[in-house]
Amino acid sequence: MIALGILPIVISFALLAAHFLRASQWALVALCAFFPALLAIPRRWAARSVQFALIAAAIEWSLTLVLIAQQRIAGGLPYTRSALILAGIAVFTLAAVFAFRLPAMRKRYRLDKAVNRIP
């Protein structure tokens, strides 16, 4: 059951790594490999870090969508297909954040425990 939760997360980071690889941004490619590896640590902070990174990734895909659509429109080229593909990737990446709502993922990363900060 854990594999079903981790799979969309790994796919999202693999797609983002390919995006950064195309631009030769090696540090960001390495960061995309780091976050799925972070899932090996069954702690709340690891899950929250991955969720934050996935939200940032969805924002990156949205910005890329706007940039590519603007470039294609300025060049007089069709942009609908590119925009739909990038929107789909952005939505998939954002949906991967919710993989941590699966009961097995909540249990593994101890997300059900309340955090009491006031003694």
PDB file of N, CA and C in Angstrom:
ATOM      1  N   MET A   1       0.813  -1.197   0.000  1.00  0.00           N
ATOM      2  CA  MET A   1       0.000   0.000   0.000  1.00  0.00           C
ATOM      3  C   MET A   1       0.861   1.267   0.000  1.00  0.00           C
ATOM      4  N   ILE A   2       2.015   1.188   0.636  1.00  0.00           N
ATOM      5  CA  ILE A   2       2.931   2.326   0.658  1.00  0.00           C
ATOM      6  C   ILE A   2       3.392   2.649  -0.764  1.00  0.00           C
ATOM      7  N   ALA A   3       3.601   1.609  -1.575  1.00  0.00           N
ATOM      8  CA  ALA A   3       4.070   1.819  -2.953  1.00  0.00           C
ATOM      9  C   ALA A   3       3.071   2.652  -3.755  1.00  0.00           C
ATOM     10  N   LEU A   4       1.776   2.469  -3.502  1.00  0.00           N
ATOM     11  CA  LEU A   4       0.769   3.255  -4.209  1.00  0.00           C
ATOM     12  C   LEU A   4       0.838   4.727  -3.841  1.00  0.00           C
ATOM     13  N   GLY A   5       1.277   5.010  -2.626  1.00  0.00           N
ATOM     14  CA  GLY A   5       1.419   6.391  -2.210  1.00  0.00           C
ATOM     15  C   GLY A   5       2.717   7.008  -2.704  1.00  0.00           C
ATOM     16  N   ILE A   6       3.761   6.222  -2.736  1.00  0.00           N
ATOM     17  CA  ILE A   6       5.070   6.744  -3.115  1.00  0.00           C
ATOM     18  C   ILE A   6       5.214   6.881  -4.630  1.00  0.00           C
ATOM     19  N   LEU A   7       4.558   6.026  -5.399  1.00  0.00           N
ATOM     20  CA  LEU A   7       4.707   6.033  -6.855  1.00  0.00           C
ATOM     21  C   LEU A   7       4.401   7.388  -7.505  1.00  0.00           C
ATOM     22  N   PRO A   8       3.269   8.040  -7.225  1.00  0.00           N
ATOM     23  CA  PRO A   8       3.041   9.338  -7.876  1.00  0.00           C
ATOM     24  C   PRO A   8       4.044  10.404  -7.459  1.00  0.00           C
ATOM     25  N   ILE A   9       4.570  10.285  -6.247  1.00  0.00           N
ATOM     26  CA  ILE A   9       5.576  11.237  -5.776  1.00  0.00           C
ATOM     27  C   ILE A   9       6.870  11.063  -6.568  1.00  0.00           C
ATOM     28  N   VAL A  10       7.280   9.815  -6.728  1.00  0.00           N
ATOM     29  CA  VAL A  10       8.511   9.524  -7.476  1.00  0.00           C
ATOM     30  C   VAL A  10       8.358   9.933  -8.942  1.00  0.00           C
ATOM     31  N   ILE A  11       7.212   9.653  -9.531  1.00  0.00           N
ATOM     32  CA  ILE A  11       6.969  10.044 -10.925  1.00  0.00           C
ATOM     33  C   ILE A  11       7.018  11.564 -11.066  1.00  0.00           C
ATOM     34  N   SER A  12       6.421  12.273 -10.116  1.00  0.00           N
ATOM     35  CA  SER A  12       6.426  13.738 -10.173  1.00  0.00           C
ATOM     36  C   SER A  12       7.840  14.292 -10.138  1.00  0.00           C
ATOM     37  N   PHE A  13       8.664  13.761  -9.242  1.00  0.00           N
ATOM     38  CA  PHE A  13      10.045  14.251  -9.163  1.00  0.00           C
ATOM     39  C   PHE A  13      10.870  13.808 -10.372  1.00  0.00           C
ATOM     40  N   ALA A  14      10.571  12.650 -10.948  1.00  0.00           N
ATOM     41  CA  ALA A  14      11.285  12.210 -12.151  1.00  0.00           C
ATOM     42  C   ALA A  14      10.963  13.129 -13.334  1.00  0.00           C
ATOM     43  N   LEU A  15       9.704  13.516 -13.461  1.00  0.00           N
ATOM     44  CA  LEU A  15       9.320  14.452 -14.527  1.00  0.00           C
ATOM     45  C   LEU A  15       9.998  15.803 -14.325  1.00  0.00           C
ATOM     46  N   LEU A  16      10.039  16.256 -13.075  1.00  0.00           N
ATOM     47  CA  LEU A  16      10.679  17.540 -12.798  1.00  0.00           C
ATOM     48  C   LEU A  16      12.187  17.462 -13.048  1.00  0.00           C
ATOM     49  N   ALA A  17      12.794  16.338 -12.700  1.00  0.00           N
ATOM     50  CA  ALA A  17      14.225  16.157 -12.960  1.00  0.00           C
ATOM     51  C   ALA A  17      14.503  16.206 -14.460  1.00  0.00           C
ATOM     52  N   ALA A  18      13.651  15.584 -15.264  1.00  0.00           N
ATOM     53  CA  ALA A  18      13.821  15.626 -16.716  1.00  0.00           C
ATOM     54  C   ALA A  18      13.679  17.061 -17.242  1.00  0.00           C
ATOM     55  N   HIS A  19      12.760  17.799 -16.656  1.00  0.00           N
ATOM     56  CA  HIS A  19      12.567  19.205 -17.027  1.00  0.00           C
ATOM     57  C   HIS A  19      13.841  20.006 -16.756  1.00  0.00           C
ATOM     58  N   PHE A  20      14.422  19.823 -15.570  1.00  0.00           N
ATOM     59  CA  PHE A  20      15.646  20.545 -15.221  1.00  0.00           C
ATOM     60  C   PHE A  20      16.855  20.020 -15.989  1.00  0.00           C
ATOM     61  N   LEU A  21      16.868  18.735 -16.293  1.00  0.00           N
ATOM     62  CA  LEU A  21      17.966  18.151 -17.064  1.00  0.00           C
ATOM     63  C   LEU A  21      18.025  18.758 -18.461  1.00  0.00           C
ATOM     64  N   ARG A  22      16.872  18.994 -19.035  1.00  0.00           N
ATOM     65  CA  ARG A  22      16.796  19.601 -20.366  1.00  0.00           C
ATOM     66  C   ARG A  22      17.437  20.989 -20.377  1.00  0.00           C
ATOM     67  N   ALA A  23      17.353  21.675 -19.227  1.00  0.00           N
ATOM     68  CA  ALA A  23      17.939  23.016 -19.102  1.00  0.00           C
ATOM     69  C   ALA A  23      19.353  22.969 -18.516  1.00  0.00           C
ATOM     70  N   SER A  24      19.897  21.772 -18.336  1.00  0.00           N
ATOM     71  CA  SER A  24      21.239  21.568 -17.759  1.00  0.00           C
ATOM     72  C   SER A  24      21.396  22.207 -16.376  1.00  0.00           C
ATOM     73  N   GLN A  25      20.345  22.134 -15.570  1.00  0.00           N
ATOM     74  CA  GLN A  25      20.391  22.647 -14.200  1.00  0.00           C
ATOM     75  C   GLN A  25      20.653  21.468 -13.264  1.00  0.00           C
ATOM     76  N   TRP A  26      21.925  21.121 -13.168  1.00  0.00           N
ATOM     77  CA  TRP A  26      22.334  19.894 -12.492  1.00  0.00           C
ATOM     78  C   TRP A  26      22.012  19.898 -11.001  1.00  0.00           C
ATOM     79  N   ALA A  27      22.137  21.026 -10.343  1.00  0.00           N
ATOM     80  CA  ALA A  27      21.846  21.089  -8.908  1.00  0.00           C
ATOM     81  C   ALA A  27      20.365  20.787  -8.651  1.00  0.00           C
ATOM     82  N   LEU A  28      19.509  21.287  -9.518  1.00  0.00           N
ATOM     83  CA  LEU A  28      18.077  21.031  -9.351  1.00  0.00           C
ATOM     84  C   LEU A  28      17.719  19.581  -9.690  1.00  0.00           C
ATOM     85  N   VAL A  29      18.450  18.992 -10.626  1.00  0.00           N
ATOM     86  CA  VAL A  29      18.261  17.567 -10.927  1.00  0.00           C
ATOM     87  C   VAL A  29      18.618  16.735  -9.697  1.00  0.00           C
ATOM     88  N   ALA A  30      19.722  17.090  -9.055  1.00  0.00           N
ATOM     89  CA  ALA A  30      20.133  16.375  -7.837  1.00  0.00           C
ATOM     90  C   ALA A  30      19.108  16.557  -6.727  1.00  0.00           C
ATOM     91  N   LEU A  31      18.550  17.749  -6.624  1.00  0.00           N
ATOM     92  CA  LEU A  31      17.520  18.007  -5.616  1.00  0.00           C
ATOM     93  C   LEU A  31      16.271  17.163  -5.879  1.00  0.00           C
ATOM     94  N   CYS A  32      15.945  16.971  -7.149  1.00  0.00           N
ATOM     95  CA  CYS A  32      14.796  16.133  -7.514  1.00  0.00           C
ATOM     96  C   CYS A  32      15.037  14.667  -7.156  1.00  0.00           C
ATOM     97  N   ALA A  33      16.293  14.254  -7.124  1.00  0.00           N
ATOM     98  CA  ALA A  33      16.619  12.888  -6.690  1.00  0.00           C
ATOM     99  C   ALA A  33      16.632  12.795  -5.168  1.00  0.00           C
ATOM    100  N   PHE A  34      16.930  13.902  -4.502  1.00  0.00           N
ATOM    101  CA  PHE A  34      17.011  13.920  -3.044  1.00  0.00           C
ATOM    102  C   PHE A  34      15.643  13.718  -2.388  1.00  0.00           C
ATOM    103  N   PHE A  35      14.617  14.396  -2.885  1.00  0.00           N
ATOM    104  CA  PHE A  35      13.324  14.356  -2.215  1.00  0.00           C
ATOM    105  C   PHE A  35      12.674  12.972  -2.194  1.00  0.00           C
ATOM    106  N   PRO A  36      12.680  12.201  -3.284  1.00  0.00           N
ATOM    107  CA  PRO A  36      12.142  10.837  -3.159  1.00  0.00           C
ATOM    108  C   PRO A  36      12.953   9.983  -2.185  1.00  0.00           C
ATOM    109  N   ALA A  37      14.272  10.210  -2.135  1.00  0.00           N
ATOM    110  CA  ALA A  37      15.109   9.469  -1.187  1.00  0.00           C
ATOM    111  C   ALA A  37      14.752   9.828   0.251  1.00  0.00           C
ATOM    112  N   LEU A  38      14.290  11.028   0.459  1.00  0.00           N
ATOM    113  CA  LEU A  38      13.879  11.482   1.785  1.00  0.00           C
ATOM    114  C   LEU A  38      12.704  10.666   2.324  1.00  0.00           C
ATOM    115  N   LEU A  39      11.966  10.052   1.421  1.00  0.00           N
ATOM    116  CA  LEU A  39      10.823   9.226   1.833  1.00  0.00           C
ATOM    117  C   LEU A  39      11.244   7.971   2.588  1.00  0.00           C
ATOM    118  N   ALA A  40      12.520   7.639   2.551  1.00  0.00           N
ATOM    119  CA  ALA A  40      13.017   6.487   3.301  1.00  0.00           C
ATOM    120  C   ALA A  40      13.025   6.760   4.802  1.00  0.00           C
ATOM    121  N   ILE A  41      12.914   8.021   5.178  1.00  0.00           N
ATOM    122  CA  ILE A  41      12.905   8.399   6.591  1.00  0.00           C
ATOM    123  C   ILE A  41      11.455   8.506   7.048  1.00  0.00           C
ATOM    124  N   PRO A  42      11.005   7.617   7.902  1.00  0.00           N
ATOM    125  CA  PRO A  42       9.591   7.617   8.316  1.00  0.00           C
ATOM    126  C   PRO A  42       9.305   8.638   9.426  1.00  0.00           C
ATOM    127  N   ARG A  43       9.461   9.896   9.101  1.00  0.00           N
ATOM    128  CA  ARG A  43       9.220  10.975  10.058  1.00  0.00           C
ATOM    129  C   ARG A  43       8.289  12.014   9.451  1.00  0.00           C
ATOM    130  N   ARG A  44       7.585  12.709  10.317  1.00  0.00           N
ATOM    131  CA  ARG A  44       6.646  13.743   9.899  1.00  0.00           C
ATOM    132  C   ARG A  44       7.364  14.833   9.089  1.00  0.00           C
ATOM    133  N   TRP A  45       8.532  15.276   9.563  1.00  0.00           N
ATOM    134  CA  TRP A  45       9.239  16.363   8.885  1.00  0.00           C
ATOM    135  C   TRP A  45       9.641  15.969   7.464  1.00  0.00           C
ATOM    136  N   ALA A  46       9.955  14.694   7.251  1.00  0.00           N
ATOM    137  CA  ALA A  46      10.326  14.234   5.909  1.00  0.00           C
ATOM    138  C   ALA A  46       9.121  14.319   4.974  1.00  0.00           C
ATOM    139  N   ALA A  47       7.968  13.889   5.463  1.00  0.00           N
ATOM    140  CA  ALA A  47       6.750  13.950   4.652  1.00  0.00           C
ATOM    141  C   ALA A  47       6.381  15.391   4.327  1.00  0.00           C
ATOM    142  N   ARG A  48       6.471  16.260   5.323  1.00  0.00           N
ATOM    143  CA  ARG A  48       6.122  17.670   5.097  1.00  0.00           C
ATOM    144  C   ARG A  48       7.108  18.339   4.141  1.00  0.00           C
ATOM    145  N   SER A  49       8.365  17.965   4.222  1.00  0.00           N
ATOM    146  CA  SER A  49       9.366  18.515   3.295  1.00  0.00           C
ATOM    147  C   SER A  49       9.061  18.103   1.857  1.00  0.00           C
ATOM    148  N   VAL A  50       8.696  16.849   1.676  1.00  0.00           N
ATOM    149  CA  VAL A  50       8.355  16.357   0.336  1.00  0.00           C
ATOM    150  C   VAL A  50       7.088  17.053  -0.164  1.00  0.00           C
ATOM    151  N   GLN A  51       6.108  17.236   0.706  1.00  0.00           N
ATOM    152  CA  GLN A  51       4.887  17.930   0.296  1.00  0.00           C
ATOM    153  C   GLN A  51       5.193  19.366  -0.133  1.00  0.00           C
ATOM    154  N   PHE A  52       6.006  20.049   0.630  1.00  0.00           N
ATOM    155  CA  PHE A  52       6.392  21.414   0.276  1.00  0.00           C
ATOM    156  C   PHE A  52       7.098  21.444  -1.079  1.00  0.00           C
ATOM    157  N   ALA A  53       7.996  20.500  -1.311  1.00  0.00           N
ATOM    158  CA  ALA A  53       8.720  20.429  -2.584  1.00  0.00           C
ATOM    159  C   ALA A  53       7.758  20.140  -3.746  1.00  0.00           C
ATOM    160  N   LEU A  54       6.763  19.301  -3.518  1.00  0.00           N
ATOM    161  CA  LEU A  54       5.780  19.006  -4.574  1.00  0.00           C
ATOM    162  C   LEU A  54       4.948  20.247  -4.917  1.00  0.00           C
ATOM    163  N   ILE A  55       4.607  21.031  -3.916  1.00  0.00           N
ATOM    164  CA  ILE A  55       3.863  22.269  -4.178  1.00  0.00           C
ATOM    165  C   ILE A  55       4.733  23.229  -4.984  1.00  0.00           C
ATOM    166  N   ALA A  56       6.006  23.332  -4.606  1.00  0.00           N
ATOM    167  CA  ALA A  56       6.937  24.174  -5.368  1.00  0.00           C
ATOM    168  C   ALA A  56       7.082  23.659  -6.797  1.00  0.00           C
ATOM    169  N   ALA A  57       7.089  22.350  -6.969  1.00  0.00           N
ATOM    170  CA  ALA A  57       7.193  21.756  -8.308  1.00  0.00           C
ATOM    171  C   ALA A  57       5.961  22.092  -9.147  1.00  0.00           C
ATOM    172  N   ALA A  58       4.775  22.039  -8.539  1.00  0.00           N
ATOM    173  CA  ALA A  58       3.552  22.381  -9.272  1.00  0.00           C
ATOM    174  C   ALA A  58       3.573  23.850  -9.701  1.00  0.00           C
ATOM    175  N   ILE A  59       4.120  24.706  -8.852  1.00  0.00           N
ATOM    176  CA  ILE A  59       4.259  26.124  -9.216  1.00  0.00           C
ATOM    177  C   ILE A  59       5.239  26.276 -10.381  1.00  0.00           C
ATOM    178  N   GLU A  60       6.334  25.523 -10.339  1.00  0.00           N
ATOM    179  CA  GLU A  60       7.309  25.557 -11.445  1.00  0.00           C
ATOM    180  C   GLU A  60       6.657  25.131 -12.759  1.00  0.00           C
ATOM    181  N   TRP A  61       5.855  24.068 -12.717  1.00  0.00           N
ATOM    182  CA  TRP A  61       5.174  23.616 -13.936  1.00  0.00           C
ATOM    183  C   TRP A  61       4.197  24.678 -14.439  1.00  0.00           C
ATOM    184  N   SER A  62       3.518  25.359 -13.519  1.00  0.00           N
ATOM    185  CA  SER A  62       2.573  26.406 -13.919  1.00  0.00           C
ATOM    186  C   SER A  62       3.299  27.578 -14.567  1.00  0.00           C
ATOM    187  N   LEU A  63       4.424  27.966 -13.998  1.00  0.00           N
ATOM    188  CA  LEU A  63       5.214  29.053 -14.589  1.00  0.00           C
ATOM    189  C   LEU A  63       5.758  28.658 -15.955  1.00  0.00           C
ATOM    190  N   THR A  64       6.168  27.408 -16.083  1.00  0.00           N
ATOM    191  CA  THR A  64       6.656  26.907 -17.368  1.00  0.00           C
ATOM    192  C   THR A  64       5.538  26.902 -18.402  1.00  0.00           C
ATOM    193  N   LEU A  65       4.343  26.534 -17.986  1.00  0.00           N
ATOM    194  CA  LEU A  65       3.182  26.552 -18.877  1.00  0.00           C
ATOM    195  C   LEU A  65       2.959  27.953 -19.431  1.00  0.00           C
ATOM    196  N   VAL A  66       2.965  28.942 -18.551  1.00  0.00           N
ATOM    197  CA  VAL A  66       2.738  30.326 -18.985  1.00  0.00           C
ATOM    198  C   VAL A  66       3.846  30.779 -19.932  1.00  0.00           C
ATOM    199  N   LEU A  67       5.085  30.480 -19.591  1.00  0.00           N
ATOM    200  CA  LEU A  67       6.223  30.898 -20.413  1.00  0.00           C
ATOM    201  C   LEU A  67       6.169  30.284 -21.808  1.00  0.00           C
ATOM    202  N   ILE A  68       5.921  28.981 -21.870  1.00  0.00           N
ATOM    203  CA  ILE A  68       5.886  28.305 -23.173  1.00  0.00           C
ATOM    204  C   ILE A  68       4.688  28.773 -23.992  1.00  0.00           C
ATOM    205  N   ALA A  69       3.540  28.953 -23.346  1.00  0.00           N
ATOM    206  CA  ALA A  69       2.357  29.433 -24.070  1.00  0.00           C
ATOM    207  C   ALA A  69       2.618  30.831 -24.642  1.00  0.00           C
ATOM    208  N   GLN A  70       3.241  31.706 -23.843  1.00  0.00           N
ATOM    209  CA  GLN A  70       3.547  33.052 -24.337  1.00  0.00           C
ATOM    210  C   GLN A  70       4.511  33.009 -25.521  1.00  0.00           C
ATOM    211  N   GLN A  71       5.524  32.163 -25.429  1.00  0.00           N
ATOM    212  CA  GLN A  71       6.494  32.053 -26.515  1.00  0.00           C
ATOM    213  C   GLN A  71       5.840  31.538 -27.792  1.00  0.00           C
ATOM    214  N   ARG A  72       4.984  30.555 -27.651  1.00  0.00           N
ATOM    215  CA  ARG A  72       4.335  29.974 -28.835  1.00  0.00           C
ATOM    216  C   ARG A  72       3.324  30.951 -29.443  1.00  0.00           C
ATOM    217  N   ILE A  73       2.610  31.663 -28.589  1.00  0.00           N
ATOM    218  CA  ILE A  73       1.663  32.666 -29.096  1.00  0.00           C
ATOM    219  C   ILE A  73       2.422  33.768 -29.840  1.00  0.00           C
ATOM    220  N   ALA A  74       3.533  34.227 -29.255  1.00  0.00           N
ATOM    221  CA  ALA A  74       4.331  35.280 -29.894  1.00  0.00           C
ATOM    222  C   ALA A  74       4.903  34.812 -31.231  1.00  0.00           C
ATOM    223  N   GLY A  75       5.193  33.530 -31.329  1.00  0.00           N
ATOM    224  CA  GLY A  75       5.729  32.983 -32.572  1.00  0.00           C
ATOM    225  C   GLY A  75       4.655  32.572 -33.564  1.00  0.00           C
ATOM    226  N   GLY A  76       3.399  32.762 -33.195  1.00  0.00           N
ATOM    227  CA  GLY A  76       2.296  32.390 -34.088  1.00  0.00           C
ATOM    228  C   GLY A  76       2.094  30.887 -34.201  1.00  0.00           C
ATOM    229  N   LEU A  77       2.546  30.158 -33.213  1.00  0.00           N
ATOM    230  CA  LEU A  77       2.432  28.697 -33.213  1.00  0.00           C
ATOM    231  C   LEU A  77       1.272  28.249 -32.328  1.00  0.00           C
ATOM    232  N   PRO A  78       0.723  27.059 -32.607  1.00  0.00           N
ATOM    233  CA  PRO A  78      -0.342  26.559 -31.732  1.00  0.00           C
ATOM    234  C   PRO A  78       0.225  26.245 -30.343  1.00  0.00           C
ATOM    235  N   TYR A  79      -0.548  26.552 -29.319  1.00  0.00           N
ATOM    236  CA  TYR A  79      -0.060  26.381 -27.953  1.00  0.00           C
ATOM    237  C   TYR A  79      -0.973  25.509 -27.090  1.00  0.00           C
ATOM    238  N   THR A  80      -2.137  25.174 -27.578  1.00  0.00           N
ATOM    239  CA  THR A  80      -3.126  24.474 -26.765  1.00  0.00           C
ATOM    240  C   THR A  80      -2.623  23.125 -26.271  1.00  0.00           C
ATOM    241  N   ARG A  81      -2.045  22.337 -27.140  1.00  0.00           N
ATOM    242  CA  ARG A  81      -1.572  21.007 -26.750  1.00  0.00           C
ATOM    243  C   ARG A  81      -0.482  21.098 -25.691  1.00  0.00           C
ATOM    244  N   SER A  82       0.462  21.994 -25.889  1.00  0.00           N
ATOM    245  CA  SER A  82       1.539  22.179 -24.901  1.00  0.00           C
ATOM    246  C   SER A  82       0.965  22.620 -23.564  1.00  0.00           C
ATOM    247  N   ALA A  83       0.028  23.546 -23.621  1.00  0.00           N
ATOM    248  CA  ALA A  83      -0.580  24.055 -22.388  1.00  0.00           C
ATOM    249  C   ALA A  83      -1.336  22.951 -21.657  1.00  0.00           C
ATOM    250  N   LEU A  84      -2.045  22.111 -22.392  1.00  0.00           N
ATOM    251  CA  LEU A  84      -2.791  21.015 -21.758  1.00  0.00           C
ATOM    252  C   LEU A  84      -1.856  19.980 -21.134  1.00  0.00           C
ATOM    253  N   ILE A  85      -0.778  19.673 -21.811  1.00  0.00           N
ATOM    254  CA  ILE A  85       0.191  18.706 -21.271  1.00  0.00           C
ATOM    255  C   ILE A  85       0.814  19.243 -19.991  1.00  0.00           C
ATOM    256  N   LEU A  86       1.266  20.488 -20.031  1.00  0.00           N
ATOM    257  CA  LEU A  86       1.889  21.071 -18.845  1.00  0.00           C
ATOM    258  C   LEU A  86       0.888  21.255 -17.708  1.00  0.00           C
ATOM    259  N   ALA A  87      -0.344  21.593 -18.028  1.00  0.00           N
ATOM    260  CA  ALA A  87      -1.371  21.709 -16.990  1.00  0.00           C
ATOM    261  C   ALA A  87      -1.632  20.341 -16.357  1.00  0.00           C
ATOM    262  N   GLY A  88      -1.646  19.302 -17.174  1.00  0.00           N
ATOM    263  CA  GLY A  88      -1.836  17.950 -16.652  1.00  0.00           C
ATOM    264  C   GLY A  88      -0.712  17.538 -15.716  1.00  0.00           C
ATOM    265  N   ILE A  89       0.512  17.885 -16.079  1.00  0.00           N
ATOM    266  CA  ILE A  89       1.658  17.564 -15.222  1.00  0.00           C
ATOM    267  C   ILE A  89       1.583  18.353 -13.922  1.00  0.00           C
ATOM    268  N   ALA A  90       1.200  19.618 -14.004  1.00  0.00           N
ATOM    269  CA  ALA A  90       1.073  20.439 -12.797  1.00  0.00           C
ATOM    270  C   ALA A  90      -0.001  19.883 -11.865  1.00  0.00           C
ATOM    271  N   VAL A  91      -1.122  19.475 -12.424  1.00  0.00           N
ATOM    272  CA  VAL A  91      -2.206  18.914 -11.608  1.00  0.00           C
ATOM    273  C   VAL A  91      -1.781  17.575 -11.008  1.00  0.00           C
ATOM    274  N   PHE A  92      -1.117  16.731 -11.787  1.00  0.00           N
ATOM    275  CA  PHE A  92      -0.630  15.446 -11.277  1.00  0.00           C
ATOM    276  C   PHE A  92       0.348  15.659 -10.123  1.00  0.00           C
ATOM    277  N   THR A  93       1.252  16.613 -10.297  1.00  0.00           N
ATOM    278  CA  THR A  93       2.240  16.901  -9.251  1.00  0.00           C
ATOM    279  C   THR A  93       1.552  17.416  -7.992  1.00  0.00           C
ATOM    280  N   LEU A  94       0.585  18.292  -8.157  1.00  0.00           N
ATOM    281  CA  LEU A  94      -0.152  18.808  -7.007  1.00  0.00           C
ATOM    282  C   LEU A  94      -0.974  17.710  -6.343  1.00  0.00           C
ATOM    283  N   ALA A  95      -1.531  16.820  -7.138  1.00  0.00           N
ATOM    284  CA  ALA A  95      -2.302  15.698  -6.582  1.00  0.00           C
ATOM    285  C   ALA A  95      -1.410  14.744  -5.787  1.00  0.00           C
ATOM    286  N   ALA A  96      -0.138  14.658  -6.155  1.00  0.00           N
ATOM    287  CA  ALA A  96       0.789  13.780  -5.427  1.00  0.00           C
ATOM    288  C   ALA A  96       0.959  14.217  -3.978  1.00  0.00           C
ATOM    289  N   VAL A  97       0.710  15.489  -3.692  1.00  0.00           N
ATOM    290  CA  VAL A  97       0.767  15.987  -2.314  1.00  0.00           C
ATOM    291  C   VAL A  97      -0.226  15.212  -1.441  1.00  0.00           C
ATOM    292  N   PHE A  98      -1.360  14.866  -2.023  1.00  0.00           N
ATOM    293  CA  PHE A  98      -2.418  14.209  -1.269  1.00  0.00           C
ATOM    294  C   PHE A  98      -2.191  12.717  -1.084  1.00  0.00           C
ATOM    295  N   ALA A  99      -1.105  12.189  -1.616  1.00  0.00           N
ATOM    296  CA  ALA A  99      -0.769  10.779  -1.376  1.00  0.00           C
ATOM    297  C   ALA A  99      -0.538  10.531   0.107  1.00  0.00           C
ATOM    298  N   PHE A 100      -0.144  11.565   0.810  1.00  0.00           N
ATOM    299  CA  PHE A 100       0.094  11.431   2.252  1.00  0.00           C
ATOM    300  C   PHE A 100      -1.204  11.337   3.047  1.00  0.00           C
ATOM    301  N   ARG A 101      -2.344  11.447   2.381  1.00  0.00           N
ATOM    302  CA  ARG A 101      -3.641  11.262   3.040  1.00  0.00           C
ATOM    303  C   ARG A 101      -4.034   9.783   3.098  1.00  0.00           C
ATOM    304  N   LEU A 102      -3.347   8.932   2.353  1.00  0.00           N
ATOM    305  CA  LEU A 102      -3.629   7.496   2.403  1.00  0.00           C
ATOM    306  C   LEU A 102      -3.316   6.972   3.802  1.00  0.00           C
ATOM    307  N   PRO A 103      -4.156   6.082   4.323  1.00  0.00           N
ATOM    308  CA  PRO A 103      -3.940   5.581   5.691  1.00  0.00           C
ATOM    309  C   PRO A 103      -2.547   4.984   5.917  1.00  0.00           C
ATOM    310  N   ALA A 104      -2.040   4.249   4.965  1.00  0.00           N
ATOM    311  CA  ALA A 104      -0.720   3.633   5.128  1.00  0.00           C
ATOM    312  C   ALA A 104       0.379   4.703   5.190  1.00  0.00           C
ATOM    313  N   MET A 105       0.232   5.737   4.397  1.00  0.00           N
ATOM    314  CA  MET A 105       1.222   6.822   4.403  1.00  0.00           C
ATOM    315  C   MET A 105       1.121   7.628   5.705  1.00  0.00           C
ATOM    316  N   ARG A 106      -0.115   7.860   6.159  1.00  0.00           N
ATOM    317  CA  ARG A 106      -0.300   8.599   7.410  1.00  0.00           C
ATOM    318  C   ARG A 106       0.327   7.838   8.578  1.00  0.00           C
ATOM    319  N   LYS A 107       0.188   6.536   8.554  1.00  0.00           N
ATOM    320  CA  LYS A 107       0.754   5.720   9.627  1.00  0.00           C
ATOM    321  C   LYS A 107       2.279   5.703   9.555  1.00  0.00           C
ATOM    322  N   ARG A 108       2.817   5.481   8.363  1.00  0.00           N
ATOM    323  CA  ARG A 108       4.274   5.389   8.208  1.00  0.00           C
ATOM    324  C   ARG A 108       4.981   6.675   8.617  1.00  0.00           C
ATOM    325  N   TYR A 109       4.431   7.808   8.235  1.00  0.00           N
ATOM    326  CA  TYR A 109       5.083   9.088   8.506  1.00  0.00           C
ATOM    327  C   TYR A 109       4.542   9.774   9.762  1.00  0.00           C
ATOM    328  N   ARG A 110       3.743   9.051  10.527  1.00  0.00           N
ATOM    329  CA  ARG A 110       3.217   9.525  11.817  1.00  0.00           C
ATOM    330  C   ARG A 110       2.504  10.863  11.673  1.00  0.00           C
ATOM    331  N   LEU A 111       1.617  10.929  10.702  1.00  0.00           N
ATOM    332  CA  LEU A 111       0.909  12.169  10.427  1.00  0.00           C
ATOM    333  C   LEU A 111      -0.390  12.299  11.211  1.00  0.00           C
ATOM    334  N   ASP A 112      -0.793  11.250  11.924  1.00  0.00           N
ATOM    335  CA  ASP A 112      -2.025  11.301  12.693  1.00  0.00           C
ATOM    336  C   ASP A 112      -1.837  11.861  14.089  1.00  0.00           C
ATOM    337  N   LYS A 113      -0.623  11.907  14.547  1.00  0.00           N
ATOM    338  CA  LYS A 113      -0.364  12.380  15.892  1.00  0.00           C
ATOM    339  C   LYS A 113      -0.480  13.898  15.955  1.00  0.00           C
ATOM    340  N   ALA A 114      -1.185  14.357  16.973  1.00  0.00           N
ATOM    341  CA  ALA A 114      -1.323  15.800  17.171  1.00  0.00           C
ATOM    342  C   ALA A 114      -0.012  16.360  17.712  1.00  0.00           C
ATOM    343  N   VAL A 115       0.269  17.562  17.282  1.00  0.00           N
ATOM    344  CA  VAL A 115       1.488  18.215  17.739  1.00  0.00           C
ATOM    345  C   VAL A 115       1.100  19.180  18.863  1.00  0.00           C
ATOM    346  N   ASN A 116       1.571  18.897  20.064  1.00  0.00           N
ATOM    347  CA  ASN A 116       1.307  19.757  21.217  1.00  0.00           C
ATOM    348  C   ASN A 116       2.531  20.619  21.477  1.00  0.00           C
ATOM    349  N   ARG A 117       2.416  21.875  21.184  1.00  0.00           N
ATOM    350  CA  ARG A 117       3.546  22.770  21.385  1.00  0.00           C
ATOM    351  C   ARG A 117       3.438  23.520  22.720  1.00  0.00           C
ATOM    352  N   ILE A 118       2.262  23.509  23.311  1.00  0.00           N
ATOM    353  CA  ILE A 118       2.070  24.177  24.595  1.00  0.00           C
ATOM    354  C   ILE A 118       2.087  23.108  25.680  1.00  0.00           C
ATOM    355  N   PRO A 119       2.990  23.241  26.662  1.00  0.00           N
ATOM    356  CA  PRO A 119       3.080  22.207  27.709  1.00  0.00           C
ATOM    357  C   PRO A 119       1.875  22.200  28.619  1.00  0.00           C
TER     358      PRO A 119
END
